[in-house]
Amino acid sequence: MKVFTVWVPGPNAPVSQRDARAPVLVKDGVDWRVAFFGWLGLLRGGAWMSGLFAASATMLVRTGAGGFVAPWAILCLSHLVLAVSAGDLRAWELRLRGFRPDGVIVGASRDGALLRYLDRVRTESGGERRHGAPGGLIPDPFAVAGARL
């Protein structure tokens, strides 16, 4: 299971994002695309400012280091640092665009986590309730598995 932070458009978000009301999921943990491709992975993931800052910083450090450090060592270190902090960088950019965090959700994939989040929002807002679980809500799979142990 993967952990995602849910970001929803706030009052300061661009009008197109507020009208769509589309939540954005940011995966917590290491981003393997960024680990392999570095700042290009950030650009591909939609973190434009962070990707361009990382590209310029990598180039400046590489030219400034000269013969002190091997270029591959700088490349590996920058990729590792960016991969570990990619989720935080994406969250920072979303905050700058007017989004606000709306909790944490767990799912097997991004689509599964989004479905779980949308179902949670629907049941909290008084939508239709499902039968079979106490209170008509969908049971938490972790609570069910823990009760069986």
Protein backbone atom coordinates (compact mmCIF):
# COMPACT_ATOMS: atom_id res chain seq x y z
CA MET A 1 0.00 0.00 0.00
CA LYS A 2 1.18 3.47 -0.85
CA VAL A 3 0.54 6.64 1.13
CA PHE A 4 -0.65 9.79 -0.64
CA THR A 5 -1.31 13.31 0.60
CA VAL A 6 -4.47 14.79 -0.91
CA TRP A 7 -4.36 18.42 -2.06
CA VAL A 8 -7.56 20.23 -3.04
CA PRO A 9 -7.97 23.68 -4.61
CA GLY A 10 -8.35 26.38 -1.99
CA PRO A 11 -9.89 29.82 -2.31
CA ASN A 12 -6.65 31.22 -3.78
CA ALA A 13 -6.33 28.54 -6.47
CA PRO A 14 -6.70 29.52 -10.13
CA VAL A 15 -10.32 29.60 -11.32
CA SER A 16 -9.83 26.64 -13.67
CA GLN A 17 -8.62 24.46 -10.78
CA ARG A 18 -11.40 25.59 -8.42
CA ASP A 19 -14.08 24.86 -11.00
CA ALA A 20 -12.73 21.39 -11.69
CA ARG A 21 -12.39 20.63 -7.94
CA ALA A 22 -9.93 17.95 -8.92
CA PRO A 23 -7.88 16.70 -5.97
CA VAL A 24 -4.17 16.18 -6.55
CA LEU A 25 -2.47 13.19 -4.93
CA VAL A 26 1.19 13.50 -3.94
CA LYS A 27 2.92 10.22 -3.12
CA ASP A 28 4.92 10.15 0.09
CA GLY A 29 8.29 8.46 -0.05
CA VAL A 30 11.00 8.05 -2.66
CA ASP A 31 10.09 8.96 -6.23
CA TRP A 32 11.92 6.45 -8.42
CA ARG A 33 11.42 8.44 -11.62
CA VAL A 34 13.29 11.33 -10.01
CA ALA A 35 15.94 8.92 -8.67
CA PHE A 36 16.76 7.76 -12.20
CA PHE A 37 16.19 10.94 -14.23
CA GLY A 38 16.86 13.66 -11.66
CA TRP A 39 15.45 17.08 -12.37
CA LEU A 40 13.89 15.79 -15.60
CA GLY A 41 11.68 13.56 -13.44
CA LEU A 42 10.53 16.60 -11.50
CA LEU A 43 9.66 18.39 -14.73
CA ARG A 44 7.72 15.34 -15.94
CA GLY A 45 5.87 15.15 -12.63
CA GLY A 46 4.61 18.73 -12.95
CA ALA A 47 7.01 20.41 -10.52
CA TRP A 48 8.30 22.99 -12.97
CA MET A 49 9.87 25.48 -10.59
CA SER A 50 11.58 22.83 -8.48
CA GLY A 51 12.82 21.03 -11.59
CA LEU A 52 14.31 24.16 -13.10
CA PHE A 53 15.87 25.22 -9.78
CA ALA A 54 17.38 21.74 -9.40
CA ALA A 55 18.69 21.80 -12.98
CA SER A 56 20.39 25.15 -12.51
CA ALA A 57 21.80 24.16 -9.10
CA THR A 58 23.15 20.88 -10.48
CA MET A 59 24.84 22.67 -13.37
CA LEU A 60 26.31 25.35 -11.11
CA VAL A 61 27.69 22.81 -8.64
CA ARG A 62 29.08 20.68 -11.42
CA THR A 63 30.88 23.57 -13.09
CA GLY A 64 32.00 25.03 -9.75
CA ALA A 65 33.35 21.74 -8.42
CA GLY A 66 35.81 21.45 -11.29
CA GLY A 67 38.31 18.71 -10.54
CA PHE A 68 37.54 18.34 -6.84
CA VAL A 69 34.70 15.84 -7.15
CA ALA A 70 33.92 13.35 -9.87
CA PRO A 71 30.93 14.44 -12.00
CA TRP A 72 29.16 11.12 -11.48
CA ALA A 73 29.30 11.59 -7.70
CA ILE A 74 27.57 14.97 -7.97
CA LEU A 75 24.99 13.45 -10.30
CA CYS A 76 24.23 10.52 -7.98
CA LEU A 77 24.03 12.71 -4.89
CA SER A 78 21.73 15.24 -6.54
CA HIS A 79 19.44 12.48 -7.83
CA LEU A 80 19.26 10.90 -4.38
CA VAL A 81 18.46 14.18 -2.63
CA LEU A 82 15.82 15.08 -5.21
CA ALA A 83 14.22 11.62 -5.08
CA VAL A 84 13.85 11.72 -1.30
CA SER A 85 12.42 15.24 -1.25
CA ALA A 86 10.30 15.09 -4.46
CA GLY A 87 7.00 14.84 -2.58
CA ASP A 88 7.85 17.84 -0.43
CA LEU A 89 8.84 19.84 -3.51
CA ARG A 90 5.56 19.01 -5.24
CA ALA A 91 3.62 19.93 -2.10
CA TRP A 92 5.46 23.25 -1.94
CA GLU A 93 4.50 24.05 -5.53
CA LEU A 94 0.88 23.11 -4.92
CA ARG A 95 0.81 25.37 -1.86
CA LEU A 96 2.16 28.21 -4.00
CA ARG A 97 -0.64 27.59 -6.51
CA GLY A 98 -3.31 27.96 -3.83
CA PHE A 99 -3.98 24.31 -2.98
CA ARG A 100 -4.48 23.14 0.59
CA PRO A 101 -3.89 19.71 2.15
CA ASP A 102 -6.99 17.63 2.84
CA GLY A 103 -5.58 14.64 4.65
CA VAL A 104 -3.72 11.45 3.92
CA ILE A 105 -5.11 8.47 2.03
CA VAL A 106 -3.75 4.96 1.48
CA GLY A 107 -4.21 2.84 -1.63
CA ALA A 108 -2.59 0.13 -3.70
CA SER A 109 -2.15 2.63 -6.56
CA ARG A 110 -2.84 6.28 -7.28
CA ASP A 111 -6.22 5.39 -8.83
CA GLY A 112 -7.19 3.21 -5.87
CA ALA A 113 -6.27 5.95 -3.41
CA LEU A 114 -8.26 8.51 -5.42
CA LEU A 115 -11.32 6.23 -5.41
CA ARG A 116 -10.97 5.73 -1.66
CA TYR A 117 -10.69 9.49 -1.11
CA LEU A 118 -13.71 10.27 -3.30
CA ASP A 119 -15.74 7.62 -1.49
CA ARG A 120 -14.73 9.12 1.87
CA VAL A 121 -15.72 12.60 0.73
CA ARG A 122 -19.06 11.32 -0.56
CA THR A 123 -19.95 9.56 2.70
CA GLU A 124 -18.84 12.51 4.84
CA SER A 125 -20.98 14.92 2.83
CA GLY A 126 -24.12 12.88 3.45
CA GLY A 127 -24.18 10.94 0.20
CA GLU A 128 -25.75 7.53 -0.11
CA ARG A 129 -24.60 4.97 2.41
CA ARG A 130 -23.80 1.37 1.69
CA HIS A 131 -25.35 -1.52 3.56
CA GLY A 132 -23.46 -4.30 5.25
CA ALA A 133 -21.09 -2.41 7.53
CA PRO A 134 -21.91 -0.91 10.95
CA GLY A 135 -23.46 2.50 10.44
CA GLY A 136 -23.77 1.86 6.71
CA LEU A 137 -20.16 2.93 6.07
CA ILE A 138 -17.47 0.99 4.26
CA PRO A 139 -15.31 -0.89 6.80
CA ASP A 140 -11.65 0.00 7.10
CA PRO A 141 -9.67 -2.98 5.71
CA PHE A 142 -6.86 -2.48 8.24
CA ALA A 143 -9.30 -2.56 11.17
CA VAL A 144 -10.94 -5.70 9.80
CA ALA A 145 -7.58 -7.42 9.30
CA GLY A 146 -6.42 -6.38 12.78
CA ALA A 147 -9.59 -7.73 14.37
CA ARG A 148 -9.01 -11.13 12.78
CA LEU A 149 -5.49 -11.47 14.23
